[in-house]
Amino acid sequence: MVNTSFKYLKISQDTMVTQVNLKFQDNFFGLAKKYAEEKGYMSIQELIREALRDKIFDDLEVREEYANFLLNSKEVNTFSSVEDSKKFLDKMRKKADLK
């Protein structure tokens, strides 16, 4: 199984058009609200969306032969090296006046 940091890119934010209404017990809602605030979520909705994405996409697997093709092919390997990534990050930090 290949772990990807980009699993949330599978769902585009602008395609979410279905509204879902949920009911919680008051004490559970209070716990969720407190957790969302403490962890820096903008809203409980954001927390719920992330929790659902984690549940849905954590079990996804990439076929081994496809993963090997992606990891070993020079034609599709367009990722930067760790060193290049660090240089780019440093450049962006300087541009944004961050340390």
C-alpha atoms as a PDB file:
ATOM      1  CA  MET A   1       0.000   0.000   0.000  1.00  0.00           C
ATOM      2  CA  VAL A   2       1.284   3.465  -0.889  1.00  0.00           C
ATOM      3  CA  ASN A   3       0.545   6.259   1.556  1.00  0.00           C
ATOM      4  CA  THR A   4      -0.262   9.574  -0.073  1.00  0.00           C
ATOM      5  CA  SER A   5      -0.324  13.008   1.492  1.00  0.00           C
ATOM      6  CA  PHE A   6      -2.715  14.192  -1.173  1.00  0.00           C
ATOM      7  CA  LYS A   7      -5.706  11.985  -0.415  1.00  0.00           C
ATOM      8  CA  TYR A   8      -7.964  15.001   0.126  1.00  0.00           C
ATOM      9  CA  LEU A   9      -7.364  16.190  -3.423  1.00  0.00           C
ATOM     10  CA  LYS A  10      -9.648  13.370  -4.568  1.00  0.00           C
ATOM     11  CA  ILE A  11     -12.622  15.547  -3.592  1.00  0.00           C
ATOM     12  CA  SER A  12     -12.846  19.053  -4.957  1.00  0.00           C
ATOM     13  CA  GLN A  13     -14.297  21.582  -2.546  1.00  0.00           C
ATOM     14  CA  ASP A  14     -16.384  23.210  -5.250  1.00  0.00           C
ATOM     15  CA  THR A  15     -18.233  19.972  -6.086  1.00  0.00           C
ATOM     16  CA  MET A  16     -19.808  19.685  -2.644  1.00  0.00           C
ATOM     17  CA  VAL A  17     -23.415  20.635  -3.225  1.00  0.00           C
ATOM     18  CA  THR A  18     -25.408  18.213  -1.060  1.00  0.00           C
ATOM     19  CA  GLN A  19     -26.439  19.431   2.361  1.00  0.00           C
ATOM     20  CA  VAL A  20     -26.715  16.929   5.204  1.00  0.00           C
ATOM     21  CA  ASN A  21     -28.439  17.631   8.507  1.00  0.00           C
ATOM     22  CA  LEU A  22     -27.206  15.772  11.573  1.00  0.00           C
ATOM     23  CA  LYS A  23     -28.573  15.514  15.084  1.00  0.00           C
ATOM     24  CA  PHE A  24     -26.299  15.004  18.089  1.00  0.00           C
ATOM     25  CA  GLN A  25     -26.927  14.608  21.786  1.00  0.00           C
ATOM     26  CA  ASP A  26     -26.169  17.901  23.513  1.00  0.00           C
ATOM     27  CA  ASN A  27     -23.171  16.544  25.439  1.00  0.00           C
ATOM     28  CA  PHE A  28     -21.665  14.984  22.288  1.00  0.00           C
ATOM     29  CA  PHE A  29     -22.159  18.210  20.344  1.00  0.00           C
ATOM     30  CA  GLY A  30     -20.436  20.095  23.174  1.00  0.00           C
ATOM     31  CA  LEU A  31     -17.468  17.730  23.056  1.00  0.00           C
ATOM     32  CA  ALA A  32     -17.217  18.080  19.273  1.00  0.00           C
ATOM     33  CA  LYS A  33     -17.424  21.878  19.482  1.00  0.00           C
ATOM     34  CA  LYS A  34     -14.739  21.994  22.187  1.00  0.00           C
ATOM     35  CA  TYR A  35     -12.479  19.637  20.187  1.00  0.00           C
ATOM     36  CA  ALA A  36     -12.914  21.689  17.013  1.00  0.00           C
ATOM     37  CA  GLU A  37     -12.018  24.912  18.832  1.00  0.00           C
ATOM     38  CA  GLU A  38      -9.000  23.397  20.610  1.00  0.00           C
ATOM     39  CA  LYS A  39      -7.628  21.852  17.431  1.00  0.00           C
ATOM     40  CA  GLY A  40      -8.047  24.994  15.333  1.00  0.00           C
ATOM     41  CA  TYR A  41     -10.948  23.972  13.100  1.00  0.00           C
ATOM     42  CA  MET A  42     -12.964  26.871  11.714  1.00  0.00           C
ATOM     43  CA  SER A  43     -16.214  25.005  12.449  1.00  0.00           C
ATOM     44  CA  ILE A  44     -17.651  21.666  13.479  1.00  0.00           C
ATOM     45  CA  GLN A  45     -18.566  21.147   9.819  1.00  0.00           C
ATOM     46  CA  GLU A  46     -14.868  21.312   8.917  1.00  0.00           C
ATOM     47  CA  LEU A  47     -14.084  18.726  11.614  1.00  0.00           C
ATOM     48  CA  ILE A  48     -16.829  16.404  10.348  1.00  0.00           C
ATOM     49  CA  ARG A  49     -15.695  16.707   6.713  1.00  0.00           C
ATOM     50  CA  GLU A  50     -12.104  15.861   7.678  1.00  0.00           C
ATOM     51  CA  ALA A  51     -13.222  12.918   9.823  1.00  0.00           C
ATOM     52  CA  LEU A  52     -15.264  11.537   6.929  1.00  0.00           C
ATOM     53  CA  ARG A  53     -12.388  11.972   4.474  1.00  0.00           C
ATOM     54  CA  ASP A  54     -10.075  10.140   6.877  1.00  0.00           C
ATOM     55  CA  LYS A  55     -12.524   7.248   7.163  1.00  0.00           C
ATOM     56  CA  ILE A  56     -13.229   7.054   3.441  1.00  0.00           C
ATOM     57  CA  PHE A  57      -9.745   7.533   2.028  1.00  0.00           C
ATOM     58  CA  ASP A  58      -7.524   5.843   4.646  1.00  0.00           C
ATOM     59  CA  ASP A  59      -8.486   2.414   3.358  1.00  0.00           C
ATOM     60  CA  LEU A  60      -7.708   3.154  -0.277  1.00  0.00           C
ATOM     61  CA  GLU A  61      -4.916   1.115  -1.752  1.00  0.00           C
ATOM     62  CA  VAL A  62      -2.882   1.505  -4.903  1.00  0.00           C
ATOM     63  CA  ARG A  63      -2.168  -1.696  -6.818  1.00  0.00           C
ATOM     64  CA  GLU A  64       1.440  -2.738  -6.256  1.00  0.00           C
ATOM     65  CA  GLU A  65       2.305  -2.887  -9.966  1.00  0.00           C
ATOM     66  CA  TYR A  66       0.966   0.650 -10.495  1.00  0.00           C
ATOM     67  CA  ALA A  67       2.850   1.975  -7.462  1.00  0.00           C
ATOM     68  CA  ASN A  68       6.056   0.363  -8.712  1.00  0.00           C
ATOM     69  CA  PHE A  69       5.524   1.893 -12.148  1.00  0.00           C
ATOM     70  CA  LEU A  70       5.056   5.362 -10.645  1.00  0.00           C
ATOM     71  CA  LEU A  71       7.958   5.064  -8.254  1.00  0.00           C
ATOM     72  CA  ASN A  72      10.421   3.588 -10.760  1.00  0.00           C
ATOM     73  CA  SER A  73       9.539   5.348 -14.005  1.00  0.00           C
ATOM     74  CA  LYS A  74      11.696   8.282 -15.036  1.00  0.00           C
ATOM     75  CA  GLU A  75       8.915   9.526 -17.350  1.00  0.00           C
ATOM     76  CA  VAL A  76       6.411  10.021 -14.541  1.00  0.00           C
ATOM     77  CA  ASN A  77       8.788  10.911 -11.725  1.00  0.00           C
ATOM     78  CA  THR A  78       8.508  14.693 -11.764  1.00  0.00           C
ATOM     79  CA  PHE A  79       8.755  15.198  -8.016  1.00  0.00           C
ATOM     80  CA  SER A  80      11.469  17.438  -6.627  1.00  0.00           C
ATOM     81  CA  SER A  81      14.239  16.031  -4.516  1.00  0.00           C
ATOM     82  CA  VAL A  82      14.156  16.694  -0.784  1.00  0.00           C
ATOM     83  CA  GLU A  83      16.935  19.241  -1.252  1.00  0.00           C
ATOM     84  CA  ASP A  84      15.055  21.039  -4.051  1.00  0.00           C
ATOM     85  CA  SER A  85      11.884  21.027  -1.951  1.00  0.00           C
ATOM     86  CA  LYS A  86      13.715  22.622   0.985  1.00  0.00           C
ATOM     87  CA  LYS A  87      15.213  25.290  -1.295  1.00  0.00           C
ATOM     88  CA  PHE A  88      11.778  26.067  -2.703  1.00  0.00           C
ATOM     89  CA  LEU A  89      10.274  26.258   0.791  1.00  0.00           C
ATOM     90  CA  ASP A  90      13.044  28.593   1.950  1.00  0.00           C
ATOM     91  CA  LYS A  91      12.477  30.776  -1.118  1.00  0.00           C
ATOM     92  CA  MET A  92       8.734  30.987  -0.387  1.00  0.00           C
ATOM     93  CA  ARG A  93       9.380  31.794   3.279  1.00  0.00           C
ATOM     94  CA  LYS A  94      11.693  34.643   2.276  1.00  0.00           C
ATOM     95  CA  LYS A  95       9.113  35.904  -0.177  1.00  0.00           C
ATOM     96  CA  ALA A  96       6.507  35.900   2.583  1.00  0.00           C
ATOM     97  CA  ASP A  97       8.925  37.418   5.118  1.00  0.00           C
ATOM     98  CA  LEU A  98       8.719  34.323   7.347  1.00  0.00           C
ATOM     99  CA  LYS A  99      11.627  32.817   9.257  1.00  0.00           C
END
